[in-house]
Amino acid sequence: MKLWDLPTPAAVVDAAALGASVRRMADRAEALGVALRPHVKTHKCVEIAVMQRQAGARGLSASTLAEAAVFADHGFDDITLAIPIAPGKAAAAEALSERVTLGLVVDSAEAIDALEHRQFPLHVWLKVDCGYHRAGVDPRRPEARELAARLAGSRRLIFEGLLTHAGHSYWAKDRAELERIAEQERSALVELAEALRRDGVEVPALSLGSTPTMSAVRSLDGVNEIRPGNYVFHDATQWKLGACALADCALTVLATVISSPPGREHSVIDAGALALSKDLGPVHLGHQSMGELLDPEGGAKLWEGARVVSVTQEHGIINRRLKVGAKVRILVNHSCLTAAEHDQYAVVEGEQVAGRWKIWRQR
């Protein structure tokens, strides 16, 4: 089948761009002297995880226990659940831990209490806030040292080390700020680890990473592993941030014009919020689009000024009047959210559909 013959809306992955990005991040990790534990929440796809493992990835990161279980079922036996575990999910985490090495993340005494009441020895990371202020212990507050010491001294838990995520890198205004946040991410962990070690607390490893910071970081001295995820696809946000080139963006959505009312300068497409997501992209950089249109002439370039200007559940509005039945390719703002809206990828080589890969979006 040809790309333009696909039923729409369709999640389309460019095989060449995907493969290049997988290899590039693996090479980046090797050059920085760290292990690569990619986050599969972006692609939720076994075939892509296999590509990452073949390129040298050591383990995976996931966002839900259901997601982790899918990859465990497909032979991946070293997985980190990279968000704080809800105390009520301790039993389910224990069950999965009996068949794979599962790293769990905590940032509270309540979560540690729940895990210490399980019978199976669980592997646990302490989440540290490196400036994102979403979750994690403040490395400057006494609670950080107290919880780390408790984990390191636990008879029931295996303390893996400190983990963080610089999600605020998505709000960087330029390359210099990306580099500053990347160093902030590294130093927050290293400085806390050094303080803990002076107190006699052994810190086995340090784990961090986001796609924007990994594109800009200059040194990861003291760090053991990185966990970027978005890099396999990139998107309009990464491009605007300067974390990738336009040609690196592997995921687009193919859509069909379903209405083009006379007298109006717009068209309606069959890709709305449930195909594109409602992520606004990097609005702090002047981005005003629900998705950019690729040039219909082909090549790694945008159709100048053409964009998705609004979405409802199943409809999108583009600021071009096109013939009903015409098809367009949309560079999405946030590939992770977009991928989670679809059941499969159409993997293309040029304009030829070379495969269909399942998206495992269990909850």
Foldseek 3Di string as FASTA:
>chain_A
DFQLPDDPFAKAFAPVLLLVLLLVVLVLCVVQQAAEAAECLLFLFQVSVVSNVVSGHDHHEYQDLLSVVVVVVVPGAAYENPDADDLVCLVVQQVSCVRHQYEHEHADPSNVVSNQPDDAAHEYEFEDELPQPPDGDDLVDVSVLVVLQCQQPDPRYHYAAYEYELPCLLQDQALVSLQVSLVSFLCSRQVSCVVNVVVVRHGNFYEYEELSNSLRYDHNPRHHYYYYYCSSAPFPSCCLHVSDPLSSHGIKTKWFFAAQDPPAQKTKTQAFCLQQNQDQHNVVNVRQAQWFWCDPVDDSHTDPPWGFRHGDDGMTMIRHRDDGGDMIITGGRRSSSNSLSDQWYQYDHRRHRDDITGNPNDD
